[in-house]
Amino acid sequence: MRVAWIDCSAGASGDMLLGAFLSAGADREVVNAAVRAVDASLSVTVEQTSRHQIAATKASVRVNGELHPEGPAVEVGHGHGHGHGHDGDAGHGHGHSAAGGATRTWAEVRGLIEAAGLNDAVRDRALDTFARLARAEASAHGVEPDAVHFHEVGALDAIADIVGVAAASVALELDRVVVSTISLGGGGQVRGQHGGIPVPGPAVLHLLSEAEAPVVGGNAPYEMTTPTGAALLATLADEFGLMPPMRIQQTGVGAGGRDPIEVPNIVRVVIGETIEQPGTELVYETNVDDLDPRIWPQVLARLMEAGAADAWLTPILMKKGRPAHTLSVLVSRPNAEVVRAVILAETSAIGLREFDIRKHAADREFASVDVDGQRIHVKIARYGGQVVNVQPEYDDVVAAATVLKRPVKNVLAKAIAAGHDLWS
């Protein structure tokens, strides 16, 4: 599986993400074809630069070949001029003038992207990003999403940022994207059309709250993550967390417009093939000292029916010398919620402990052997291609021993031997 990890320890903006994906190997002609499909006047250029002596790629969007001077990058607004997000203040420096395009409603932006000759995946990703921005700004200003007007983000050059990132990420053929904890910044305000906006801004908080993204203030006193950057991360992320196990194939570094002293103003993208890991499962535990012991067999049976991989009891001695049991249940994540419900419903427990564990399992297959005319099912375990264990189904052994009128231990031994003979 091809996976990308996005390092947002210095925050993120649209141009930083675009530069990082291009630096990681996304074809700039593919990106330019996508942004030209939105409008023939658009193009993306790159230049090599550095931040804190770390080599990085700076991506810029041009309209009719002209690079707009940096200015207030009013991200999203409603009505007549509400907005926020000065990328220059944010240290990302991807501000554009209003000349990039007139104010547009969310419906107009949606129509513009839908009408463009884009790859379906690119179109869907771009529309998802703008929809998130519209919902976030609507929440921040107390209006309906359809009442949101996109100002600078609605301009052609800023639309190209979002479409460009969508095209670059699709071109890299990623199966999964993991995003790190996102630094937001703080300690001041950014300039909006109608005054100061606190950092982190309301739209950024809404976007990342909706995505259930992990965030941190960071160590820089300015806006480190812009609304566009937050919306793109929320759209791209399949999950959030540390870099997953992988064999690294490509890396990319995208630069923001400024080079502040606090942090290297970059976004990093690390791309590779995932490494197969032993399965991660959960163990639930709870101590129970007030349940009629006659109930335990039914509890264990119900847990197995609910999808537990295993369930067992351990006798313990609790405070004041009370005899009790620890109930332990091994379960895969998809079945965890159902198993939790069974524990709390079927026992007198009112709480659980949860542990992540890593399970190493031999390959398994099932077959049957013949013991004096009686069919007995066996489980065969292989490790490294070798048979390491043969285990007969105990109920079959008991049934065969009854028919043959022999001791269970003798039939069991013959079934094990027959199983080993088959795979020796």
Protein backbone atom coordinates (compact mmCIF):
# COMPACT_ATOMS: atom_id res chain seq x y z
CA MET A 1 0.00 0.00 0.00
CA ARG A 2 1.31 3.45 -0.96
CA VAL A 3 1.06 5.84 1.97
CA ALA A 4 1.93 9.50 2.52
CA TRP A 5 2.67 11.17 5.83
CA ILE A 6 2.27 14.96 6.01
CA ASP A 7 4.36 16.69 8.69
CA CYS A 8 2.55 19.83 9.86
CA SER A 9 4.80 20.72 12.78
CA ALA A 10 5.15 24.22 11.28
CA GLY A 11 1.50 24.44 10.23
CA ALA A 12 0.21 24.39 6.68
CA SER A 13 -1.18 26.57 3.91
CA GLY A 14 -2.28 25.90 0.37
CA ASP A 15 0.99 26.94 -1.27
CA MET A 16 3.09 24.98 1.24
CA LEU A 17 1.13 21.78 0.53
CA LEU A 18 1.30 22.39 -3.23
CA GLY A 19 5.08 22.87 -3.05
CA ALA A 20 5.51 19.75 -0.90
CA PHE A 21 3.57 17.50 -3.29
CA LEU A 22 5.43 18.89 -6.32
CA SER A 23 8.72 18.44 -4.49
CA ALA A 24 7.73 14.82 -3.73
CA GLY A 25 7.41 14.05 -7.43
CA ALA A 26 3.94 15.13 -8.58
CA ASP A 27 4.11 16.06 -12.27
CA ARG A 28 3.86 19.85 -12.61
CA GLU A 29 2.38 19.47 -16.10
CA VAL A 30 -0.44 17.37 -14.67
CA VAL A 31 -1.04 20.05 -12.04
CA ASN A 32 -0.94 22.80 -14.66
CA ALA A 33 -3.37 20.91 -16.87
CA ALA A 34 -5.80 20.74 -13.95
CA VAL A 35 -5.57 24.43 -13.04
CA ARG A 36 -5.82 25.42 -16.73
CA ALA A 37 -8.99 23.34 -16.94
CA VAL A 38 -10.47 25.74 -14.39
CA ASP A 39 -9.24 28.77 -16.31
CA ALA A 40 -6.79 29.01 -19.21
CA SER A 41 -5.03 31.99 -17.62
CA LEU A 42 -3.79 29.96 -14.64
CA SER A 43 -0.41 28.29 -14.21
CA VAL A 44 1.81 27.02 -11.39
CA THR A 45 5.52 27.79 -11.18
CA VAL A 46 8.11 26.58 -8.70
CA GLU A 47 11.42 27.86 -7.39
CA GLN A 48 13.96 26.27 -5.11
CA THR A 49 14.58 28.01 -1.82
CA SER A 50 15.42 27.12 1.78
CA ARG A 51 14.03 27.63 5.26
CA HIS A 52 16.51 27.42 8.14
CA GLN A 53 18.97 25.99 5.59
CA ILE A 54 16.55 23.18 4.69
CA ALA A 55 16.07 22.94 0.93
CA ALA A 56 12.43 23.48 -0.04
CA THR A 57 10.18 24.12 -3.04
CA LYS A 58 8.15 27.32 -3.22
CA ALA A 59 5.06 26.97 -5.41
CA SER A 60 3.33 30.02 -6.84
CA VAL A 61 0.15 30.45 -8.83
CA ARG A 62 0.24 32.90 -11.73
CA VAL A 63 -2.63 34.52 -13.60
CA ASN A 64 -1.80 35.41 -17.21
CA GLY A 65 1.83 34.81 -16.30
CA GLU A 66 1.80 37.42 -13.55
CA LEU A 67 2.69 36.64 -9.96
CA HIS A 68 0.45 38.65 -7.67
CA PRO A 69 2.22 40.73 -5.03
CA GLU A 70 1.75 39.48 -1.50
CA GLY A 71 -1.02 41.15 0.37
CA PRO A 72 -3.94 40.38 2.67
CA ALA A 73 -4.96 36.85 1.79
CA VAL A 74 -8.58 37.17 2.81
CA GLU A 75 -9.55 33.51 2.94
CA VAL A 76 -13.33 33.26 3.18
CA GLY A 77 -16.07 35.65 4.07
CA HIS A 78 -19.79 36.29 3.89
CA GLY A 79 -21.90 39.23 2.97
CA HIS A 80 -19.72 42.18 1.89
CA GLY A 81 -16.17 41.71 2.97
CA HIS A 82 -16.04 39.64 6.15
CA GLY A 83 -13.01 37.43 6.00
CA HIS A 84 -9.77 36.55 7.62
CA GLY A 85 -6.41 34.97 7.16
CA HIS A 86 -3.42 37.11 6.26
CA ASP A 87 -0.92 34.58 5.01
CA GLY A 88 1.84 37.12 5.28
CA ASP A 89 1.15 37.41 9.01
CA ALA A 90 0.82 33.67 9.15
CA GLY A 91 4.35 33.29 7.89
CA HIS A 92 3.16 31.38 4.83
CA GLY A 93 3.20 34.33 2.48
CA HIS A 94 0.75 33.15 -0.12
CA GLY A 95 -1.32 36.29 -0.13
CA HIS A 96 -3.03 37.39 -3.34
CA SER A 97 -4.67 40.59 -4.34
CA ALA A 98 -8.33 40.76 -5.11
CA ALA A 99 -7.45 41.01 -8.79
CA GLY A 100 -7.41 37.24 -8.95
CA GLY A 101 -11.21 37.17 -9.22
CA ALA A 102 -14.41 38.76 -7.98
CA THR A 103 -16.32 37.74 -4.90
CA ARG A 104 -18.18 34.47 -5.54
CA THR A 105 -20.81 32.56 -3.64
CA TRP A 106 -20.21 28.96 -2.70
CA ALA A 107 -22.66 27.94 -5.43
CA GLU A 108 -20.65 29.89 -8.02
CA VAL A 109 -17.37 28.34 -6.94
CA ARG A 110 -18.97 24.90 -7.02
CA GLY A 111 -20.27 25.52 -10.54
CA LEU A 112 -16.88 26.71 -11.75
CA ILE A 113 -15.12 23.54 -10.56
CA GLU A 114 -17.92 21.22 -11.72
CA ALA A 115 -17.78 22.73 -15.23
CA ALA A 116 -14.00 22.28 -15.53
CA GLY A 117 -12.64 19.27 -17.41
CA LEU A 118 -11.10 17.64 -14.36
CA ASN A 119 -10.39 14.07 -13.38
CA ASP A 120 -13.29 12.90 -11.17
CA ALA A 121 -11.04 12.31 -8.16
CA VAL A 122 -9.47 15.78 -8.52
CA ARG A 123 -12.88 17.44 -8.87
CA ASP A 124 -14.28 15.60 -5.84
CA ARG A 125 -11.27 16.51 -3.70
CA ALA A 126 -11.43 20.18 -4.66
CA LEU A 127 -15.19 20.37 -4.07
CA ASP A 128 -14.83 18.65 -0.70
CA THR A 129 -12.21 21.22 0.32
CA PHE A 130 -14.40 24.19 -0.62
CA ALA A 131 -17.45 22.62 1.01
CA ARG A 132 -15.51 22.31 4.26
CA LEU A 133 -14.45 25.95 4.00
CA ALA A 134 -18.05 27.04 3.39
CA ARG A 135 -19.32 25.10 6.42
CA ALA A 136 -16.53 26.47 8.61
CA GLU A 137 -17.07 30.07 7.61
CA ALA A 138 -20.83 29.72 7.92
CA SER A 139 -20.35 28.46 11.48
CA ALA A 140 -17.90 31.28 12.29
CA HIS A 141 -20.27 33.98 11.06
CA GLY A 142 -23.59 32.41 12.04
CA VAL A 143 -24.97 32.08 8.51
CA GLU A 144 -25.99 29.23 6.20
CA PRO A 145 -23.25 27.75 3.98
CA ASP A 146 -25.01 28.92 0.81
CA ALA A 147 -24.84 32.49 2.15
CA VAL A 148 -21.04 32.35 2.35
CA HIS A 149 -19.15 34.47 -0.15
CA PHE A 150 -15.61 33.45 -1.09
CA HIS A 151 -13.39 36.46 -1.47
CA GLU A 152 -9.68 35.84 -2.02
CA VAL A 153 -10.06 32.07 -1.82
CA GLY A 154 -12.77 32.37 -4.44
CA ALA A 155 -10.35 34.19 -6.78
CA LEU A 156 -8.97 32.21 -9.70
CA ASP A 157 -5.43 32.03 -8.37
CA ALA A 158 -6.55 30.74 -4.96
CA ILE A 159 -8.91 28.21 -6.56
CA ALA A 160 -5.84 27.01 -8.42
CA ASP A 161 -4.07 26.37 -5.09
CA ILE A 162 -6.82 23.98 -4.04
CA VAL A 163 -7.25 22.35 -7.44
CA GLY A 164 -3.46 22.10 -7.74
CA VAL A 165 -3.10 20.27 -4.43
CA ALA A 166 -5.98 17.98 -5.37
CA ALA A 167 -4.37 17.18 -8.73
CA ALA A 168 -0.90 16.68 -7.25
CA SER A 169 -2.12 14.34 -4.53
CA VAL A 170 -4.15 12.28 -7.00
CA ALA A 171 -1.21 12.13 -9.44
CA LEU A 172 0.98 10.57 -6.74
CA GLU A 173 -1.45 7.60 -6.58
CA LEU A 174 -1.68 7.49 -2.80
CA ASP A 175 -3.71 4.76 -1.12
CA ARG A 176 -3.65 6.38 2.30
CA VAL A 177 -2.70 9.76 3.78
CA VAL A 178 -1.69 10.21 7.41
CA VAL A 179 -1.44 13.76 8.80
CA SER A 180 0.61 14.66 11.87
CA THR A 181 -0.55 16.79 14.79
CA ILE A 182 -1.17 20.23 13.28
CA SER A 183 0.48 23.37 14.70
CA LEU A 184 -1.92 26.31 14.68
CA GLY A 185 0.10 29.17 16.16
CA GLY A 186 -1.24 31.86 18.45
CA GLY A 187 -0.25 34.84 20.50
CA GLY A 188 -1.78 37.47 18.27
CA GLN A 189 -4.29 38.26 15.58
CA VAL A 190 -4.47 38.32 11.81
CA ARG A 191 -5.99 41.20 9.91
CA GLY A 192 -9.44 40.73 8.43
CA GLN A 193 -11.66 43.00 6.38
CA HIS A 194 -13.44 44.19 9.53
CA GLY A 195 -10.64 44.07 12.07
CA GLY A 196 -8.53 41.56 13.93
CA ILE A 197 -9.23 37.83 13.97
CA PRO A 198 -7.85 35.78 16.91
CA VAL A 199 -5.29 33.07 16.22
CA PRO A 200 -6.17 30.31 15.73
CA GLY A 201 -9.17 31.64 13.84
CA PRO A 202 -12.72 30.34 14.26
CA ALA A 203 -12.79 28.78 10.79
CA VAL A 204 -9.55 26.85 11.39
CA LEU A 205 -10.88 25.55 14.71
CA HIS A 206 -14.16 24.48 13.11
CA LEU A 207 -12.42 22.75 10.19
CA LEU A 208 -10.09 20.72 12.38
CA SER A 209 -12.75 20.00 14.99
CA GLU A 210 -15.02 18.60 12.28
CA ALA A 211 -12.15 16.43 11.03
CA GLU A 212 -11.32 15.30 14.61
CA ALA A 213 -7.72 16.32 13.92
CA PRO A 214 -5.12 16.54 16.72
CA VAL A 215 -3.80 20.08 17.08
CA VAL A 216 -1.30 22.05 19.14
CA GLY A 217 -0.68 25.77 19.51
CA GLY A 218 2.92 25.49 18.37
CA ASN A 219 5.83 27.71 19.27
CA ALA A 220 5.34 30.66 16.91
CA PRO A 221 3.30 33.79 17.73
CA TYR A 222 1.38 33.98 14.47
CA GLU A 223 -1.10 32.05 12.34
CA MET A 224 0.75 28.86 11.37
CA THR A 225 -2.18 27.07 9.72
CA THR A 226 -4.49 28.97 7.39
CA PRO A 227 -8.10 28.03 6.70
CA THR A 228 -7.13 26.81 3.22
CA GLY A 229 -4.37 24.66 4.68
CA ALA A 230 -6.71 23.28 7.35
CA ALA A 231 -9.42 22.48 4.79
CA LEU A 232 -6.95 20.68 2.51
CA LEU A 233 -5.54 18.64 5.39
CA ALA A 234 -9.04 17.69 6.53
CA THR A 235 -9.87 16.56 3.00
CA LEU A 236 -6.64 14.67 2.39
CA ALA A 237 -6.35 12.88 5.75
CA ASP A 238 -7.46 9.28 6.04
CA GLU A 239 -6.13 9.36 9.60
CA PHE A 240 -4.00 11.45 11.94
CA GLY A 241 -0.91 10.40 13.84
CA LEU A 242 2.78 9.61 13.73
CA MET A 243 4.56 8.47 10.60
CA PRO A 244 3.35 4.92 9.88
CA PRO A 245 5.79 2.05 9.27
CA MET A 246 6.97 2.35 5.67
CA ARG A 247 9.86 1.97 3.27
CA ILE A 248 10.48 5.55 2.16
CA GLN A 249 10.40 6.14 -1.60
CA GLN A 250 10.00 9.91 -1.97
CA THR A 251 10.07 13.02 0.18
CA GLY A 252 8.95 16.55 -0.54
CA VAL A 253 9.37 19.86 1.24
CA GLY A 254 7.13 22.86 0.56
CA ALA A 255 8.03 26.36 1.73
CA GLY A 256 5.84 29.18 2.96
CA GLY A 257 6.48 32.76 1.91
CA ARG A 258 8.36 33.87 5.01
CA ASP A 259 11.40 32.56 6.85
CA PRO A 260 10.60 33.25 10.53
CA ILE A 261 13.13 32.63 13.27
CA GLU A 262 10.92 30.36 15.40
CA VAL A 263 10.55 27.37 13.07
CA PRO A 264 11.54 26.30 9.56
CA ASN A 265 8.43 27.37 7.68
CA ILE A 266 7.88 24.14 5.75
CA VAL A 267 5.46 21.28 5.20
CA ARG A 268 7.04 17.88 4.58
CA VAL A 269 5.50 14.96 2.70
CA VAL A 270 7.02 11.50 3.12
CA ILE A 271 5.80 8.80 0.71
CA GLY A 272 6.49 5.08 0.80
CA GLU A 273 5.22 1.53 0.82
CA THR A 274 3.70 0.33 4.07
CA ILE A 275 5.44 -2.42 5.99
CA GLU A 276 3.28 -5.32 7.07
CA GLN A 277 2.94 -5.28 10.83
CA PRO A 278 1.58 -7.93 13.17
CA GLY A 279 -2.09 -7.30 13.82
CA THR A 280 -2.94 -4.78 16.54
CA GLU A 281 -5.82 -5.80 18.78
CA LEU A 282 -7.32 -4.77 22.11
CA VAL A 283 -7.54 -6.44 25.48
CA TYR A 284 -10.33 -5.41 27.85
CA GLU A 285 -9.97 -6.20 31.54
CA THR A 286 -12.20 -5.74 34.53
CA ASN A 287 -12.12 -7.05 38.12
CA VAL A 288 -15.41 -8.54 39.33
CA ASP A 289 -16.05 -9.64 42.93
CA ASP A 290 -19.85 -9.64 43.17
CA LEU A 291 -21.09 -11.85 40.34
CA ASP A 292 -22.66 -15.27 40.91
CA PRO A 293 -19.92 -17.62 39.56
CA ARG A 294 -22.55 -19.80 37.89
CA ILE A 295 -23.04 -16.98 35.37
CA TRP A 296 -19.44 -16.91 34.11
CA PRO A 297 -19.75 -19.71 31.50
CA GLN A 298 -22.64 -17.86 29.86
CA VAL A 299 -20.67 -14.59 29.93
CA LEU A 300 -17.70 -16.21 28.17
CA ALA A 301 -19.98 -17.81 25.59
CA ARG A 302 -21.73 -14.49 24.87
CA LEU A 303 -18.39 -12.72 24.44
CA MET A 304 -17.25 -15.26 21.87
CA GLU A 305 -20.57 -14.92 20.03
CA ALA A 306 -20.05 -11.14 20.01
CA GLY A 307 -16.78 -11.49 18.12
CA ALA A 308 -14.13 -11.79 20.83
CA ALA A 309 -11.03 -13.66 19.68
CA ASP A 310 -10.63 -15.09 23.19
CA ALA A 311 -11.99 -14.58 26.71
CA TRP A 312 -10.72 -15.93 30.02
CA LEU A 313 -10.93 -15.60 33.80
CA THR A 314 -8.09 -15.26 36.30
CA PRO A 315 -8.78 -15.81 40.03
CA ILE A 316 -7.53 -12.88 42.13
CA LEU A 317 -7.71 -11.66 45.72
CA MET A 318 -9.00 -8.12 46.12
CA LYS A 319 -8.93 -5.70 49.03
CA LYS A 320 -10.19 -6.94 52.38
CA GLY A 321 -9.39 -10.47 51.24
CA ARG A 322 -12.35 -10.75 48.88
CA PRO A 323 -12.04 -13.50 46.24
CA ALA A 324 -12.75 -12.24 42.72
CA HIS A 325 -11.98 -12.77 39.04
CA THR A 326 -10.29 -10.67 36.38
CA LEU A 327 -12.19 -10.99 33.13
CA SER A 328 -9.87 -10.56 30.11
CA VAL A 329 -11.13 -10.32 26.55
CA LEU A 330 -9.06 -10.24 23.36
CA VAL A 331 -10.88 -8.49 20.52
CA SER A 332 -10.20 -6.87 17.16
CA ARG A 333 -11.12 -3.19 16.80
CA PRO A 334 -14.16 -3.73 14.53
CA ASN A 335 -15.80 -5.88 17.23
CA ALA A 336 -14.68 -3.80 20.20
CA GLU A 337 -17.85 -1.78 20.76
CA VAL A 338 -20.12 -4.86 20.72
CA VAL A 339 -17.82 -6.72 23.13
CA ARG A 340 -17.74 -3.74 25.52
CA ALA A 341 -21.52 -3.71 25.56
CA VAL A 342 -21.66 -7.44 26.38
CA ILE A 343 -19.22 -7.08 29.28
CA LEU A 344 -21.19 -4.24 30.84
CA ALA A 345 -24.57 -5.89 30.23
CA GLU A 346 -23.75 -9.47 31.23
CA THR A 347 -21.52 -8.83 34.28
CA SER A 348 -21.69 -6.53 37.29
CA ALA A 349 -18.69 -4.48 36.03
CA ILE A 350 -19.18 -0.72 35.73
CA GLY A 351 -15.85 0.03 34.04
CA LEU A 352 -13.14 -1.47 31.84
CA ARG A 353 -9.42 -1.17 31.25
CA GLU A 354 -8.29 -1.13 27.61
CA PHE A 355 -4.86 -2.08 26.29
CA ASP A 356 -3.45 -2.04 22.77
CA ILE A 357 -1.52 -5.21 22.04
CA ARG A 358 0.32 -6.56 19.03
CA LYS A 359 -0.62 -10.09 18.08
CA HIS A 360 1.71 -12.52 16.30
CA ALA A 361 -0.23 -15.41 14.77
CA ALA A 362 0.85 -18.45 12.81
CA ASP A 363 -0.92 -19.14 9.54
CA ARG A 364 -3.84 -21.50 10.08
CA GLU A 365 -5.79 -23.97 8.01
CA PHE A 366 -8.38 -26.65 8.73
CA ALA A 367 -8.57 -30.24 7.56
CA SER A 368 -9.76 -33.62 8.82
CA VAL A 369 -8.14 -36.97 9.65
CA ASP A 370 -9.50 -40.49 9.97
CA VAL A 371 -9.13 -42.43 13.22
CA ASP A 372 -10.43 -45.96 12.80
CA GLY A 373 -13.26 -44.83 10.57
CA GLN A 374 -14.13 -41.71 12.61
CA ARG A 375 -13.69 -38.27 11.04
CA ILE A 376 -11.98 -35.73 13.27
CA HIS A 377 -11.40 -32.10 12.29
CA VAL A 378 -7.94 -30.67 13.00
CA LYS A 379 -6.43 -27.19 13.00
CA ILE A 380 -2.98 -26.91 11.39
CA ALA A 381 -0.65 -24.03 12.30
CA ARG A 382 2.24 -23.04 10.03
CA TYR A 383 5.10 -20.66 10.69
CA GLY A 384 7.78 -19.93 8.14
CA GLY A 385 6.16 -22.46 5.84
CA GLN A 386 6.59 -25.30 8.35
CA VAL A 387 3.84 -27.12 10.28
CA VAL A 388 4.41 -26.25 13.93
CA ASN A 389 1.22 -27.53 15.52
CA VAL A 390 -1.70 -29.89 14.81
CA GLN A 391 -4.65 -29.61 17.15
CA PRO A 392 -7.74 -31.89 16.85
CA GLU A 393 -11.19 -30.53 17.53
CA TYR A 394 -11.86 -31.77 21.05
CA ASP A 395 -15.62 -32.34 20.59
CA ASP A 396 -14.89 -34.54 17.58
CA VAL A 397 -12.36 -36.52 19.65
CA VAL A 398 -14.89 -37.09 22.42
CA ALA A 399 -17.55 -38.19 19.91
CA ALA A 400 -15.12 -40.60 18.24
CA ALA A 401 -13.98 -42.02 21.59
CA THR A 402 -17.61 -42.66 22.52
CA VAL A 403 -18.32 -44.53 19.28
CA LEU A 404 -15.05 -46.49 19.46
CA LYS A 405 -15.45 -47.12 23.21
CA ARG A 406 -11.89 -46.04 23.86
CA PRO A 407 -10.31 -43.54 26.28
CA VAL A 408 -10.38 -39.97 25.02
CA LYS A 409 -6.61 -39.61 25.56
CA ASN A 410 -5.89 -42.50 23.17
CA VAL A 411 -8.11 -41.13 20.39
CA LEU A 412 -6.59 -37.67 20.89
CA ALA A 413 -3.07 -39.03 20.52
CA LYS A 414 -3.96 -40.94 17.35
CA ALA A 415 -5.63 -37.85 15.83
CA ILE A 416 -2.56 -35.71 16.52
CA ALA A 417 -0.27 -38.36 15.03
CA ALA A 418 -2.47 -38.72 11.97
CA GLY A 419 -2.42 -34.95 11.47
CA HIS A 420 1.38 -34.80 11.62
CA ASP A 421 1.65 -37.75 9.21
CA LEU A 422 -0.42 -35.87 6.63
CA TRP A 423 1.88 -32.81 6.63
CA SER A 424 5.24 -34.33 7.45
